[in-house]
């Protein structure tokens, strides 16, 4: 019985540390980790609930190839092959993003022959800050009047 109790303490400590890390990260991106967000999003999404599995178990599989995938992406960009992509490319970005500024969006747009930039009054997670704007961009084809100008 003592062993199970010890495991529970470790599990609760790990959960507390993970929750703290997620909340700290949210705050660094300018999001307030309110009790409502913790209870409805952070805790069930990352730690599981009765209706969904623990996402933290899946993260190693998502990130296991990260460095290899970044290297492949860098090679594709350096090769100039993106300039041969003959489909419209829409680039939605948060104008208040503290990490990826407008210059990054402009650089990305310059890699494609038919790109359109969509500045959104948002931070890093544009789909969280303004889901309607992102939905409009995803719904419209490039150049659609409803999407022009952001």
Foldseek 3Di string as FASTA:
>chain_A
DVVVVVVVVVVVVVLVVQLVVVQVVCVVQPHHCDPCCVVPPVCCAQVNDPVGHHCVVVVCVVCVCVVVVVVVVVVCLVVLVQQVDPFEAEAEAECAAPPQHPVNSVVVQVSYPHYDYQYDPDYGPCCVVPVPLVVVVVVDGPPPPVNPRD
